[in-house]
Amino acid sequence: MGLATVFFDVEYTFVFFPLYALFLFLYHYAATGIFSKMLLVYLVTAMSFEILFLYDFEKYVNVISVLHITSQLCFLWLLKPILKVDIKKFSTHNLTELIIGTLGISYIVGYLMYLIFPLIPDLTLFIPSVISFLFLTVLCLRYPFFNRHPDNILLWGIGGGMIAEMMCAFIHQYVSDLRVFIVMAHVFGAFLKIVFVIYLIRLRKMKTLNEDYV
């Protein structure tokens, strides 16, 4: 996808979206033996809003927002096993580090949103879409501090990929039309989905709330 974006117009890269979505779904099915309808819906909706974003974001902003929220709800449902966290354990961690990190992430994303909000043609559904994005990003980047199972480090890759894809896509849309930003958005988008599917496979094999890691 990255190489195709370098050498061809962005419309010619759309064929790669269903291909890598199908590949990831089949990879998950081969590894787990489970036909995950929720994962399929996540991949299809994520692929759809990415294509529409590249095609004409301003024209399809509400459709993109609905698809994005749907994909985020599927994402959250797939991560349901890691949401069972014992609240009493929170006090044993470095809350200062968590607060500073969360504020730092919020500032970076918030400042970019502040710059582009006046340019968004319709904020009605876009704002809930941004809220869902922030919630899941914070979840992915903060959860490994509460559960230190080695596989949970993959969540940092997922959260970082989400932020990087979003920033590169909006920078290309509103700040700079340099092709490198759309190439990076493609690469980070594919990366976070690959890591997410790998994490889902490993999640089925680990005891997420094992006391040794909490």
Protein backbone atom coordinates (compact mmCIF):
# COMPACT_ATOMS: atom_id res chain seq x y z
CA MET A 1 0.00 0.00 0.00
CA GLY A 2 2.80 2.38 0.86
CA LEU A 3 4.70 1.74 -2.37
CA ALA A 4 1.53 1.97 -4.46
CA THR A 5 0.75 5.34 -2.87
CA VAL A 6 4.23 6.59 -3.73
CA PHE A 7 3.96 5.74 -7.43
CA PHE A 8 0.22 5.97 -8.20
CA ASP A 9 -2.74 8.23 -7.44
CA VAL A 10 -4.47 7.43 -4.16
CA GLU A 11 -7.56 6.03 -5.95
CA TYR A 12 -5.46 3.16 -7.29
CA THR A 13 -4.61 2.05 -3.75
CA PHE A 14 -8.25 1.33 -2.80
CA VAL A 15 -7.98 -2.24 -4.09
CA PHE A 16 -5.46 -3.02 -1.33
CA PHE A 17 -7.89 -2.23 1.51
CA PRO A 18 -10.23 -5.21 1.01
CA LEU A 19 -7.24 -7.44 0.27
CA TYR A 20 -5.42 -6.79 3.54
CA ALA A 21 -8.73 -6.83 5.48
CA LEU A 22 -9.50 -10.27 4.03
CA PHE A 23 -5.95 -11.45 4.74
CA LEU A 24 -6.17 -10.36 8.39
CA PHE A 25 -9.56 -11.99 8.87
CA LEU A 26 -8.36 -15.28 7.37
CA TYR A 27 -5.18 -15.11 9.45
CA HIS A 28 -7.25 -14.73 12.63
CA TYR A 29 -9.54 -17.57 11.55
CA ALA A 30 -6.60 -19.87 10.78
CA ALA A 31 -4.99 -19.12 14.14
CA THR A 32 -8.10 -19.44 16.32
CA GLY A 33 -10.56 -21.52 14.31
CA ILE A 34 -13.24 -18.94 15.15
CA PHE A 35 -15.30 -17.09 12.56
CA SER A 36 -15.38 -13.73 14.35
CA LYS A 37 -18.26 -11.72 12.93
CA MET A 38 -17.33 -8.75 15.13
CA LEU A 39 -13.78 -8.70 13.76
CA LEU A 40 -15.16 -8.89 10.22
CA VAL A 41 -17.47 -5.93 10.88
CA TYR A 42 -14.58 -4.00 12.42
CA LEU A 43 -12.33 -4.58 9.42
CA VAL A 44 -15.05 -3.75 6.89
CA THR A 45 -16.15 -0.54 8.62
CA ALA A 46 -12.57 0.58 9.24
CA MET A 47 -11.68 -0.10 5.61
CA SER A 48 -14.79 1.75 4.42
CA PHE A 49 -14.22 4.96 6.38
CA GLU A 50 -10.55 5.02 5.38
CA ILE A 51 -11.48 4.77 1.69
CA LEU A 52 -14.15 7.47 1.99
CA PHE A 53 -11.74 9.71 3.91
CA LEU A 54 -9.22 9.48 1.09
CA TYR A 55 -11.87 9.87 -1.60
CA ASP A 56 -13.67 12.96 -0.26
CA PHE A 57 -13.65 13.58 3.49
CA GLU A 58 -15.65 16.81 3.47
CA LYS A 59 -18.43 15.38 1.30
CA TYR A 60 -18.84 12.18 3.32
CA VAL A 61 -17.91 13.47 6.79
CA ASN A 62 -21.11 12.20 8.46
CA VAL A 63 -20.94 8.79 6.81
CA ILE A 64 -17.27 8.53 7.77
CA SER A 65 -18.10 9.49 11.36
CA VAL A 66 -20.82 6.83 11.62
CA LEU A 67 -18.53 4.16 10.16
CA HIS A 68 -15.72 5.24 12.47
CA ILE A 69 -17.92 5.08 15.58
CA THR A 70 -19.19 1.65 14.50
CA SER A 71 -15.65 0.37 14.02
CA GLN A 72 -14.64 1.75 17.43
CA LEU A 73 -17.58 0.00 19.12
CA CYS A 74 -16.54 -3.27 17.47
CA PHE A 75 -12.96 -2.58 18.58
CA LEU A 76 -14.12 -2.09 22.17
CA TRP A 77 -16.26 -5.25 22.05
CA LEU A 78 -13.29 -7.30 20.84
CA LEU A 79 -11.23 -5.95 23.75
CA LYS A 80 -13.94 -6.82 26.25
CA PRO A 81 -11.76 -9.37 28.14
CA ILE A 82 -9.24 -6.70 29.17
CA LEU A 83 -11.92 -4.41 30.60
CA LYS A 84 -12.37 -6.61 33.66
CA VAL A 85 -9.83 -4.75 35.78
CA ASP A 86 -9.86 -4.79 39.58
CA ILE A 87 -10.26 -1.14 40.56
CA LYS A 88 -8.59 -1.80 43.92
CA LYS A 89 -5.32 -2.46 42.12
CA PHE A 90 -5.12 1.06 40.68
CA SER A 91 -3.63 2.54 43.82
CA THR A 92 -0.53 0.35 43.54
CA HIS A 93 0.64 2.05 40.33
CA ASN A 94 2.38 5.32 39.57
CA LEU A 95 -0.60 7.59 39.07
CA THR A 96 1.62 10.60 38.37
CA GLU A 97 3.15 8.88 35.36
CA LEU A 98 -0.29 7.84 34.13
CA ILE A 99 -1.76 11.32 34.49
CA ILE A 100 1.17 13.05 32.77
CA GLY A 101 1.13 10.56 29.90
CA THR A 102 -2.62 10.86 29.44
CA LEU A 103 -2.47 14.66 29.48
CA GLY A 104 0.39 14.60 26.97
CA ILE A 105 -1.54 12.41 24.54
CA SER A 106 -4.68 14.50 24.99
CA TYR A 107 -2.74 17.70 24.32
CA ILE A 108 -1.22 16.44 21.06
CA VAL A 109 -4.51 15.12 19.71
CA GLY A 110 -6.51 18.03 21.15
CA TYR A 111 -4.25 20.66 19.58
CA LEU A 112 -4.55 19.03 16.16
CA MET A 113 -8.33 18.87 16.57
CA TYR A 114 -8.36 22.53 17.62
CA LEU A 115 -6.62 23.44 14.36
CA ILE A 116 -8.91 21.45 12.10
CA PHE A 117 -12.29 21.79 13.89
CA PRO A 118 -13.10 25.11 12.16
CA LEU A 119 -12.48 23.39 8.80
CA ILE A 120 -14.83 20.44 9.40
CA PRO A 121 -18.07 20.99 7.45
CA ASP A 122 -20.32 19.25 10.00
CA LEU A 123 -19.39 18.56 13.64
CA THR A 124 -22.64 16.82 14.64
CA LEU A 125 -21.27 13.28 14.35
CA PHE A 126 -17.63 14.19 14.06
CA ILE A 127 -17.34 15.16 17.75
CA PRO A 128 -18.70 11.80 19.06
CA SER A 129 -16.32 10.12 16.63
CA VAL A 130 -13.38 12.03 18.12
CA ILE A 131 -14.50 11.19 21.67
CA SER A 132 -14.63 7.46 20.87
CA PHE A 133 -11.18 7.74 19.28
CA LEU A 134 -9.71 9.44 22.37
CA PHE A 135 -11.28 6.90 24.72
CA LEU A 136 -9.86 3.88 22.89
CA THR A 137 -6.47 5.50 22.40
CA VAL A 138 -6.14 6.19 26.12
CA LEU A 139 -7.33 2.65 26.87
CA CYS A 140 -4.66 1.10 24.62
CA LEU A 141 -1.82 3.29 25.90
CA ARG A 142 -2.74 3.17 29.61
CA TYR A 143 -3.87 -0.44 30.10
CA PRO A 144 -0.37 -2.00 29.99
CA PHE A 145 0.47 -0.01 33.14
CA PHE A 146 -2.33 -1.81 35.01
CA ASN A 147 -1.69 -5.27 33.60
CA ARG A 148 1.93 -5.98 32.80
CA HIS A 149 1.48 -9.20 30.87
CA PRO A 150 4.18 -9.15 28.14
CA ASP A 151 1.60 -9.43 25.34
CA ASN A 152 -0.14 -6.25 26.49
CA ILE A 153 2.77 -4.19 25.17
CA LEU A 154 1.15 -4.73 21.75
CA LEU A 155 -1.55 -2.28 22.88
CA TRP A 156 1.05 0.50 22.75
CA GLY A 157 1.63 -0.33 19.11
CA ILE A 158 -2.12 -0.24 18.46
CA GLY A 159 -2.66 3.06 20.28
CA GLY A 160 0.41 4.65 18.73
CA GLY A 161 -0.68 3.49 15.28
CA MET A 162 -4.14 5.01 15.80
CA ILE A 163 -2.68 8.39 16.73
CA ALA A 164 -0.10 8.35 13.93
CA GLU A 165 -2.65 7.36 11.27
CA MET A 166 -5.09 10.05 12.39
CA MET A 167 -2.45 12.79 12.52
CA CYS A 168 -0.95 11.94 9.11
CA ALA A 169 -4.38 11.71 7.48
CA PHE A 170 -5.58 15.09 8.77
CA ILE A 171 -2.24 16.77 8.11
CA HIS A 172 -2.50 15.61 4.50
CA GLN A 173 -6.14 16.73 4.32
CA TYR A 174 -5.78 20.22 5.80
CA VAL A 175 -2.14 21.18 6.34
CA SER A 176 0.14 19.76 3.64
CA ASP A 177 -0.56 17.84 0.44
CA LEU A 178 2.84 16.15 0.50
CA ARG A 179 2.39 12.55 -0.57
CA VAL A 180 4.57 11.30 2.28
CA PHE A 181 1.77 11.99 4.80
CA ILE A 182 -0.77 9.83 3.00
CA VAL A 183 1.85 7.09 2.60
CA MET A 184 2.51 7.19 6.34
CA ALA A 185 -1.25 7.14 7.05
CA HIS A 186 -1.55 3.99 4.91
CA VAL A 187 1.38 2.32 6.65
CA PHE A 188 0.28 3.18 10.20
CA GLY A 189 -3.32 2.15 9.45
CA ALA A 190 -2.23 -1.24 8.17
CA PHE A 191 0.27 -1.62 11.03
CA LEU A 192 -2.25 -1.03 13.82
CA LYS A 193 -4.70 -3.55 12.32
CA ILE A 194 -2.00 -6.20 11.96
CA VAL A 195 -0.90 -5.70 15.56
CA PHE A 196 -4.54 -5.66 16.72
CA VAL A 197 -5.29 -9.03 15.09
CA ILE A 198 -2.10 -10.52 16.54
CA TYR A 199 -3.13 -9.22 19.97
CA LEU A 200 -6.62 -10.73 19.67
CA ILE A 201 -5.06 -14.10 18.86
CA ARG A 202 -2.75 -13.89 21.87
CA LEU A 203 -5.54 -12.59 24.09
CA ARG A 204 -7.34 -15.90 23.73
CA LYS A 205 -4.27 -17.73 25.03
CA MET A 206 -3.44 -15.61 28.06
CA LYS A 207 -5.07 -15.04 31.43
CA THR A 208 -5.50 -11.29 31.16
CA LEU A 209 -6.05 -10.72 34.88
CA ASN A 210 -3.40 -13.08 36.19
CA GLU A 211 -2.34 -11.76 39.62
CA ASP A 212 1.32 -12.10 38.65
CA TYR A 213 0.94 -9.22 36.16
CA VAL A 214 -1.57 -6.93 37.89
